[in-house]
Amino acid sequence: MLTFWPAIGQREYDWEKKQVFALSATEVGSLIGLGPAESCEFLHDPSMKSSLEGQVKISLSISPLGNDNGYFLNLSVVNNIQKTNERLSVPITKAEFTVIRTVLSYILPHIMGWPQAMMRAQQPTTETKTSKSRPDPIFEWGR
């Protein structure tokens, strides 16, 4: 979940006008794999497949600053219901993007539910294992 607030002064933000953008697992993968000269854009419609589809459009684009210096994160929120159009642009240095990429790499398995799946796989079952049962995959990696 990326959260944006508009600036109202130097190091001052309008905390009432928060905008959020929830990234899917594949969108996180796109950001992790983004090269220094590459850009990407994600489009969301929170009311998709409802009668309000198309009334609110949220887009996030990430584009390089140039000279391998970092990226611009551009968030656009068009709300035809409230008749608002907000645009937020945040320059991100190469170092800041590296931190974001590292955090996203860490949380991606959690978004996909891998820790929960591994915990379930490690819980003992009530069935008794026979001699024909397969060894635990964790022990296989140690060979």
N, C-alpha and C. Protein backbone atom coordinates (compact mmCIF):
# COMPACT_ATOMS: atom_id res chain seq x y z
N MET A 1 0.86 -1.16 0.00
CA MET A 1 0.00 0.00 0.00
C MET A 1 0.91 1.23 0.00
N LEU A 2 0.82 2.02 -1.02
CA LEU A 2 1.56 3.28 -1.08
C LEU A 2 0.60 4.40 -0.68
N THR A 3 1.06 5.29 0.18
CA THR A 3 0.24 6.39 0.67
C THR A 3 0.88 7.71 0.26
N PHE A 4 0.07 8.61 -0.26
CA PHE A 4 0.54 9.91 -0.73
C PHE A 4 -0.25 11.01 -0.03
N TRP A 5 0.44 12.11 0.32
CA TRP A 5 -0.20 13.31 0.85
C TRP A 5 0.30 14.50 0.04
N PRO A 6 -0.57 15.42 -0.31
CA PRO A 6 -0.10 16.61 -1.03
C PRO A 6 0.65 17.57 -0.11
N ALA A 7 1.69 18.18 -0.65
CA ALA A 7 2.47 19.16 0.10
C ALA A 7 1.73 20.50 0.10
N ILE A 8 1.75 21.18 1.26
CA ILE A 8 1.16 22.51 1.36
C ILE A 8 2.22 23.54 1.72
N GLY A 9 3.45 23.09 1.83
CA GLY A 9 4.58 23.95 2.17
C GLY A 9 5.81 23.08 2.26
N GLN A 10 6.92 23.71 2.60
CA GLN A 10 8.15 22.94 2.74
C GLN A 10 8.05 22.03 3.97
N ARG A 11 8.11 20.73 3.72
CA ARG A 11 7.98 19.70 4.75
C ARG A 11 6.67 19.79 5.53
N GLU A 12 5.64 20.28 4.88
CA GLU A 12 4.29 20.34 5.45
C GLU A 12 3.34 19.67 4.48
N TYR A 13 2.41 18.88 5.02
CA TYR A 13 1.52 18.09 4.18
C TYR A 13 0.08 18.25 4.64
N ASP A 14 -0.84 18.10 3.70
CA ASP A 14 -2.26 18.14 4.01
C ASP A 14 -2.69 16.73 4.38
N TRP A 15 -2.72 16.44 5.68
CA TRP A 15 -3.01 15.10 6.17
C TRP A 15 -4.45 14.67 5.91
N GLU A 16 -5.32 15.62 5.59
CA GLU A 16 -6.73 15.31 5.32
C GLU A 16 -6.94 14.77 3.90
N LYS A 17 -6.01 15.02 2.99
CA LYS A 17 -6.20 14.65 1.59
C LYS A 17 -5.33 13.46 1.18
N LYS A 18 -5.30 12.47 2.03
CA LYS A 18 -4.50 11.27 1.78
C LYS A 18 -5.04 10.50 0.58
N GLN A 19 -4.13 9.98 -0.24
CA GLN A 19 -4.48 9.10 -1.35
C GLN A 19 -3.68 7.81 -1.18
N VAL A 20 -4.30 6.68 -1.45
CA VAL A 20 -3.61 5.40 -1.31
C VAL A 20 -3.67 4.64 -2.63
N PHE A 21 -2.67 3.80 -2.83
CA PHE A 21 -2.61 2.94 -4.01
C PHE A 21 -2.13 1.57 -3.55
N ALA A 22 -2.99 0.58 -3.64
CA ALA A 22 -2.66 -0.79 -3.21
C ALA A 22 -2.07 -1.55 -4.40
N LEU A 23 -0.87 -2.05 -4.23
CA LEU A 23 -0.19 -2.79 -5.29
C LEU A 23 -0.52 -4.28 -5.19
N SER A 24 -0.78 -4.89 -6.34
CA SER A 24 -0.97 -6.35 -6.38
C SER A 24 0.40 -7.02 -6.40
N ALA A 25 0.42 -8.33 -6.27
CA ALA A 25 1.68 -9.06 -6.29
C ALA A 25 2.41 -8.87 -7.62
N THR A 26 1.69 -8.89 -8.72
CA THR A 26 2.35 -8.71 -10.03
C THR A 26 2.84 -7.28 -10.22
N GLU A 27 2.12 -6.31 -9.65
CA GLU A 27 2.59 -4.92 -9.72
C GLU A 27 3.85 -4.73 -8.88
N VAL A 28 3.90 -5.39 -7.72
CA VAL A 28 5.11 -5.36 -6.90
C VAL A 28 6.27 -5.96 -7.69
N GLY A 29 6.01 -7.06 -8.39
CA GLY A 29 7.04 -7.68 -9.22
C GLY A 29 7.53 -6.75 -10.31
N SER A 30 6.63 -6.00 -10.90
CA SER A 30 7.02 -5.02 -11.93
C SER A 30 7.94 -3.95 -11.35
N LEU A 31 7.63 -3.48 -10.15
CA LEU A 31 8.48 -2.47 -9.52
C LEU A 31 9.84 -3.04 -9.14
N ILE A 32 9.87 -4.25 -8.63
CA ILE A 32 11.13 -4.87 -8.24
C ILE A 32 12.04 -5.03 -9.46
N GLY A 33 11.46 -5.40 -10.60
CA GLY A 33 12.23 -5.64 -11.80
C GLY A 33 12.48 -4.42 -12.67
N LEU A 34 12.06 -3.26 -12.22
CA LEU A 34 12.18 -2.04 -13.03
C LEU A 34 13.64 -1.65 -13.21
N GLY A 35 14.06 -1.49 -14.44
CA GLY A 35 15.43 -1.09 -14.75
C GLY A 35 15.59 0.42 -14.66
N PRO A 36 16.83 0.92 -14.69
CA PRO A 36 17.09 2.35 -14.50
C PRO A 36 16.50 3.24 -15.59
N ALA A 37 16.30 2.71 -16.79
CA ALA A 37 15.75 3.53 -17.87
C ALA A 37 14.32 3.12 -18.22
N GLU A 38 13.71 2.27 -17.40
CA GLU A 38 12.37 1.76 -17.70
C GLU A 38 11.31 2.50 -16.90
N SER A 39 10.09 2.45 -17.41
CA SER A 39 8.96 3.04 -16.71
C SER A 39 7.80 2.05 -16.72
N CYS A 40 6.83 2.28 -15.86
CA CYS A 40 5.64 1.44 -15.84
C CYS A 40 4.46 2.26 -15.34
N GLU A 41 3.27 1.77 -15.62
CA GLU A 41 2.05 2.46 -15.18
C GLU A 41 1.02 1.42 -14.77
N PHE A 42 0.32 1.70 -13.68
CA PHE A 42 -0.72 0.83 -13.18
C PHE A 42 -2.02 1.63 -13.11
N LEU A 43 -3.10 1.05 -13.61
CA LEU A 43 -4.41 1.69 -13.60
C LEU A 43 -5.36 0.89 -12.72
N HIS A 44 -6.06 1.58 -11.83
CA HIS A 44 -7.03 0.93 -10.94
C HIS A 44 -8.38 1.64 -11.05
N ASP A 45 -9.42 0.85 -10.99
CA ASP A 45 -10.79 1.36 -10.90
C ASP A 45 -11.42 0.68 -9.69
N PRO A 46 -11.53 1.38 -8.54
CA PRO A 46 -12.05 0.74 -7.33
C PRO A 46 -13.48 0.21 -7.46
N SER A 47 -14.22 0.68 -8.45
CA SER A 47 -15.61 0.26 -8.61
C SER A 47 -15.80 -0.68 -9.79
N MET A 48 -14.72 -1.34 -10.21
CA MET A 48 -14.81 -2.23 -11.36
C MET A 48 -15.87 -3.29 -11.14
N LYS A 49 -16.59 -3.58 -12.19
CA LYS A 49 -17.67 -4.57 -12.19
C LYS A 49 -18.84 -4.17 -11.29
N SER A 50 -19.05 -2.87 -11.15
CA SER A 50 -20.22 -2.38 -10.42
C SER A 50 -20.86 -1.29 -11.26
N SER A 51 -21.97 -0.76 -10.79
CA SER A 51 -22.66 0.29 -11.54
C SER A 51 -21.86 1.59 -11.58
N LEU A 52 -20.88 1.75 -10.70
CA LEU A 52 -20.06 2.96 -10.67
C LEU A 52 -18.74 2.81 -11.42
N GLU A 53 -18.61 1.73 -12.20
CA GLU A 53 -17.36 1.48 -12.92
C GLU A 53 -17.03 2.67 -13.82
N GLY A 54 -15.77 3.09 -13.78
CA GLY A 54 -15.30 4.20 -14.60
C GLY A 54 -15.46 5.56 -13.97
N GLN A 55 -16.15 5.65 -12.85
CA GLN A 55 -16.36 6.95 -12.20
C GLN A 55 -15.13 7.42 -11.44
N VAL A 56 -14.34 6.48 -10.92
CA VAL A 56 -13.10 6.82 -10.21
C VAL A 56 -11.97 6.06 -10.89
N LYS A 57 -10.97 6.80 -11.33
CA LYS A 57 -9.82 6.19 -11.98
C LYS A 57 -8.56 6.63 -11.26
N ILE A 58 -7.76 5.65 -10.87
CA ILE A 58 -6.51 5.94 -10.16
C ILE A 58 -5.37 5.35 -10.98
N SER A 59 -4.38 6.16 -11.26
CA SER A 59 -3.22 5.65 -11.99
C SER A 59 -1.94 6.03 -11.26
N LEU A 60 -1.01 5.10 -11.28
CA LEU A 60 0.31 5.32 -10.72
C LEU A 60 1.31 5.04 -11.81
N SER A 61 2.15 6.02 -12.11
CA SER A 61 3.20 5.80 -13.09
C SER A 61 4.55 6.06 -12.44
N ILE A 62 5.49 5.25 -12.83
CA ILE A 62 6.86 5.38 -12.36
C ILE A 62 7.72 5.57 -13.59
N SER A 63 8.45 6.68 -13.63
CA SER A 63 9.29 6.97 -14.79
C SER A 63 10.65 7.47 -14.32
N PRO A 64 11.70 7.18 -15.11
CA PRO A 64 13.05 7.57 -14.69
C PRO A 64 13.23 9.09 -14.73
N LEU A 65 14.04 9.59 -13.79
CA LEU A 65 14.39 11.01 -13.75
C LEU A 65 15.37 11.35 -14.87
N GLY A 66 16.16 10.42 -15.28
CA GLY A 66 17.20 10.63 -16.28
C GLY A 66 18.56 10.53 -15.65
N ASN A 67 19.54 10.16 -16.46
CA ASN A 67 20.93 10.00 -16.00
C ASN A 67 21.05 9.04 -14.84
N ASP A 68 20.15 8.08 -14.75
CA ASP A 68 20.21 7.05 -13.70
C ASP A 68 20.20 7.65 -12.29
N ASN A 69 19.45 8.75 -12.11
CA ASN A 69 19.42 9.44 -10.82
C ASN A 69 18.25 9.04 -9.93
N GLY A 70 17.26 8.34 -10.45
CA GLY A 70 16.09 7.97 -9.66
C GLY A 70 14.84 7.93 -10.51
N TYR A 71 13.70 8.14 -9.87
CA TYR A 71 12.41 8.01 -10.54
C TYR A 71 11.45 9.10 -10.07
N PHE A 72 10.42 9.32 -10.88
CA PHE A 72 9.26 10.11 -10.48
C PHE A 72 8.12 9.14 -10.24
N LEU A 73 7.46 9.25 -9.10
CA LEU A 73 6.21 8.54 -8.84
C LEU A 73 5.09 9.54 -9.05
N ASN A 74 4.22 9.27 -10.00
CA ASN A 74 3.12 10.17 -10.33
C ASN A 74 1.80 9.47 -10.05
N LEU A 75 1.01 10.03 -9.15
CA LEU A 75 -0.30 9.48 -8.82
C LEU A 75 -1.36 10.43 -9.34
N SER A 76 -2.33 9.87 -10.05
CA SER A 76 -3.44 10.66 -10.57
C SER A 76 -4.74 10.02 -10.11
N VAL A 77 -5.61 10.82 -9.50
CA VAL A 77 -6.91 10.32 -9.03
C VAL A 77 -7.99 11.20 -9.65
N VAL A 78 -8.77 10.61 -10.55
CA VAL A 78 -9.88 11.32 -11.19
C VAL A 78 -11.16 10.74 -10.61
N ASN A 79 -11.93 11.58 -9.92
CA ASN A 79 -13.18 11.16 -9.30
C ASN A 79 -14.31 11.97 -9.92
N ASN A 80 -15.03 11.35 -10.86
CA ASN A 80 -16.12 12.03 -11.55
C ASN A 80 -17.35 12.20 -10.65
N ILE A 81 -17.44 11.41 -9.59
CA ILE A 81 -18.57 11.52 -8.66
C ILE A 81 -18.44 12.82 -7.87
N GLN A 82 -17.24 13.05 -7.31
CA GLN A 82 -17.00 14.27 -6.51
C GLN A 82 -16.46 15.41 -7.36
N LYS A 83 -16.28 15.14 -8.65
CA LYS A 83 -15.75 16.14 -9.60
C LYS A 83 -14.40 16.69 -9.15
N THR A 84 -13.48 15.76 -8.82
CA THR A 84 -12.14 16.15 -8.43
C THR A 84 -11.12 15.48 -9.34
N ASN A 85 -9.98 16.12 -9.47
CA ASN A 85 -8.88 15.60 -10.26
C ASN A 85 -7.60 15.97 -9.52
N GLU A 86 -6.99 14.99 -8.87
CA GLU A 86 -5.79 15.27 -8.07
C GLU A 86 -4.59 14.60 -8.71
N ARG A 87 -3.48 15.33 -8.73
CA ARG A 87 -2.22 14.80 -9.26
C ARG A 87 -1.12 15.06 -8.23
N LEU A 88 -0.39 14.01 -7.90
CA LEU A 88 0.71 14.12 -6.96
C LEU A 88 1.95 13.54 -7.64
N SER A 89 3.06 14.25 -7.53
CA SER A 89 4.31 13.80 -8.12
C SER A 89 5.40 13.83 -7.07
N VAL A 90 6.11 12.71 -6.93
CA VAL A 90 7.15 12.60 -5.91
C VAL A 90 8.45 12.13 -6.59
N PRO A 91 9.50 12.95 -6.52
CA PRO A 91 10.79 12.47 -7.03
C PRO A 91 11.44 11.54 -6.01
N ILE A 92 11.96 10.42 -6.48
CA ILE A 92 12.59 9.42 -5.62
C ILE A 92 14.03 9.24 -6.10
N THR A 93 14.98 9.37 -5.19
CA THR A 93 16.38 9.18 -5.57
C THR A 93 16.64 7.70 -5.83
N LYS A 94 17.76 7.42 -6.45
CA LYS A 94 18.15 6.04 -6.72
C LYS A 94 18.26 5.25 -5.41
N ALA A 95 18.82 5.87 -4.37
CA ALA A 95 18.96 5.20 -3.07
C ALA A 95 17.60 4.94 -2.45
N GLU A 96 16.68 5.90 -2.53
CA GLU A 96 15.34 5.71 -1.98
C GLU A 96 14.61 4.60 -2.72
N PHE A 97 14.79 4.55 -4.05
CA PHE A 97 14.14 3.49 -4.82
C PHE A 97 14.72 2.12 -4.46
N THR A 98 16.00 2.06 -4.17
CA THR A 98 16.62 0.81 -3.74
C THR A 98 16.01 0.34 -2.42
N VAL A 99 15.76 1.26 -1.51
CA VAL A 99 15.11 0.91 -0.24
C VAL A 99 13.70 0.40 -0.50
N ILE A 100 12.95 1.08 -1.35
CA ILE A 100 11.59 0.65 -1.69
C ILE A 100 11.62 -0.74 -2.31
N ARG A 101 12.53 -0.97 -3.23
CA ARG A 101 12.67 -2.27 -3.90
C ARG A 101 12.99 -3.37 -2.88
N THR A 102 13.87 -3.08 -1.92
CA THR A 102 14.24 -4.06 -0.91
C THR A 102 13.05 -4.40 -0.02
N VAL A 103 12.31 -3.39 0.39
CA VAL A 103 11.11 -3.62 1.22
C VAL A 103 10.09 -4.45 0.45
N LEU A 104 9.87 -4.10 -0.83
CA LEU A 104 8.91 -4.85 -1.64
C LEU A 104 9.36 -6.30 -1.84
N SER A 105 10.65 -6.52 -2.01
CA SER A 105 11.17 -7.89 -2.15
C SER A 105 10.90 -8.70 -0.89
N TYR A 106 10.99 -8.05 0.26
CA TYR A 106 10.73 -8.73 1.52
C TYR A 106 9.26 -9.06 1.70
N ILE A 107 8.37 -8.12 1.34
CA ILE A 107 6.95 -8.34 1.61
C ILE A 107 6.24 -9.16 0.54
N LEU A 108 6.83 -9.32 -0.64
CA LEU A 108 6.16 -10.06 -1.71
C LEU A 108 5.74 -11.47 -1.28
N PRO A 109 6.61 -12.26 -0.66
CA PRO A 109 6.14 -13.59 -0.21
C PRO A 109 4.97 -13.51 0.77
N HIS A 110 4.92 -12.47 1.59
CA HIS A 110 3.82 -12.30 2.54
C HIS A 110 2.52 -11.96 1.81
N ILE A 111 2.62 -11.11 0.77
CA ILE A 111 1.43 -10.77 -0.02
C ILE A 111 0.86 -12.04 -0.66
N MET A 112 1.75 -12.92 -1.09
CA MET A 112 1.32 -14.14 -1.77
C MET A 112 0.90 -15.25 -0.80
N GLY A 113 1.13 -15.05 0.50
CA GLY A 113 0.70 -16.02 1.50
C GLY A 113 1.65 -17.17 1.73
N TRP A 114 2.89 -17.06 1.30
CA TRP A 114 3.84 -18.15 1.46
C TRP A 114 4.13 -18.49 2.91
N PRO A 115 4.33 -17.52 3.81
CA PRO A 115 4.60 -17.90 5.21
C PRO A 115 3.46 -18.71 5.82
N GLN A 116 2.21 -18.34 5.51
CA GLN A 116 1.07 -19.08 6.04
C GLN A 116 1.04 -20.50 5.49
N ALA A 117 1.36 -20.63 4.20
CA ALA A 117 1.37 -21.96 3.59
C ALA A 117 2.46 -22.83 4.20
N MET A 118 3.62 -22.24 4.44
CA MET A 118 4.72 -23.00 5.03
C MET A 118 4.40 -23.41 6.47
N MET A 119 3.73 -22.53 7.22
CA MET A 119 3.37 -22.88 8.59
C MET A 119 2.39 -24.04 8.60
N ARG A 120 1.43 -24.05 7.67
CA ARG A 120 0.48 -25.15 7.59
C ARG A 120 1.18 -26.45 7.20
N ALA A 121 2.16 -26.34 6.31
CA ALA A 121 2.88 -27.53 5.86
C ALA A 121 3.72 -28.13 6.97
N GLN A 122 4.17 -27.31 7.91
CA GLN A 122 5.02 -27.80 8.99
C GLN A 122 4.23 -28.31 10.18
N GLN A 123 2.92 -28.08 10.24
CA GLN A 123 2.12 -28.55 11.36
C GLN A 123 1.96 -30.07 11.27
N PRO A 124 2.07 -30.78 12.40
CA PRO A 124 1.93 -32.24 12.37
C PRO A 124 0.50 -32.63 12.04
N THR A 125 0.37 -33.70 11.32
CA THR A 125 -0.96 -34.21 10.98
C THR A 125 -1.36 -35.27 11.98
N THR A 126 -2.62 -35.58 12.03
CA THR A 126 -3.12 -36.59 12.96
C THR A 126 -2.90 -37.99 12.40
N GLU A 127 -2.63 -38.10 11.08
CA GLU A 127 -2.41 -39.40 10.47
C GLU A 127 -1.00 -39.89 10.82
N THR A 128 -0.85 -41.18 10.97
CA THR A 128 0.48 -41.74 11.17
C THR A 128 1.13 -41.93 9.82
N LYS A 129 2.40 -41.61 9.74
CA LYS A 129 3.09 -41.72 8.47
C LYS A 129 3.56 -43.15 8.26
N THR A 130 3.41 -43.60 7.03
CA THR A 130 3.89 -44.93 6.69
C THR A 130 5.31 -44.82 6.16
N SER A 131 5.94 -45.95 5.97
CA SER A 131 7.32 -45.94 5.47
C SER A 131 7.38 -45.45 4.03
N LYS A 132 6.25 -45.45 3.32
CA LYS A 132 6.23 -44.99 1.94
C LYS A 132 6.03 -43.49 1.81
N SER A 133 5.86 -42.76 2.92
CA SER A 133 5.64 -41.32 2.84
C SER A 133 6.90 -40.60 2.38
N ARG A 134 6.72 -39.49 1.72
CA ARG A 134 7.85 -38.72 1.20
C ARG A 134 8.52 -37.97 2.34
N PRO A 135 9.84 -37.79 2.27
CA PRO A 135 10.54 -37.02 3.30
C PRO A 135 10.16 -35.54 3.21
N ASP A 136 10.32 -34.87 4.32
CA ASP A 136 10.04 -33.44 4.39
C ASP A 136 10.95 -32.70 3.40
N PRO A 137 10.38 -31.81 2.53
CA PRO A 137 11.20 -31.10 1.53
C PRO A 137 12.31 -30.27 2.17
N ILE A 138 12.12 -29.82 3.40
CA ILE A 138 13.14 -29.02 4.06
C ILE A 138 14.43 -29.84 4.22
N PHE A 139 14.27 -31.14 4.54
CA PHE A 139 15.43 -32.00 4.69
C PHE A 139 16.08 -32.32 3.34
N GLU A 140 15.29 -32.31 2.27
CA GLU A 140 15.83 -32.59 0.94
C GLU A 140 16.82 -31.51 0.51
N TRP A 141 16.58 -30.25 0.89
CA TRP A 141 17.46 -29.15 0.50
C TRP A 141 18.83 -29.28 1.15
N GLY A 142 18.90 -29.96 2.29
CA GLY A 142 20.16 -30.08 3.00
C GLY A 142 21.10 -31.13 2.44
N ARG A 143 20.64 -31.90 1.49
CA ARG A 143 21.48 -32.99 0.94
C ARG A 143 22.55 -32.46 0.04
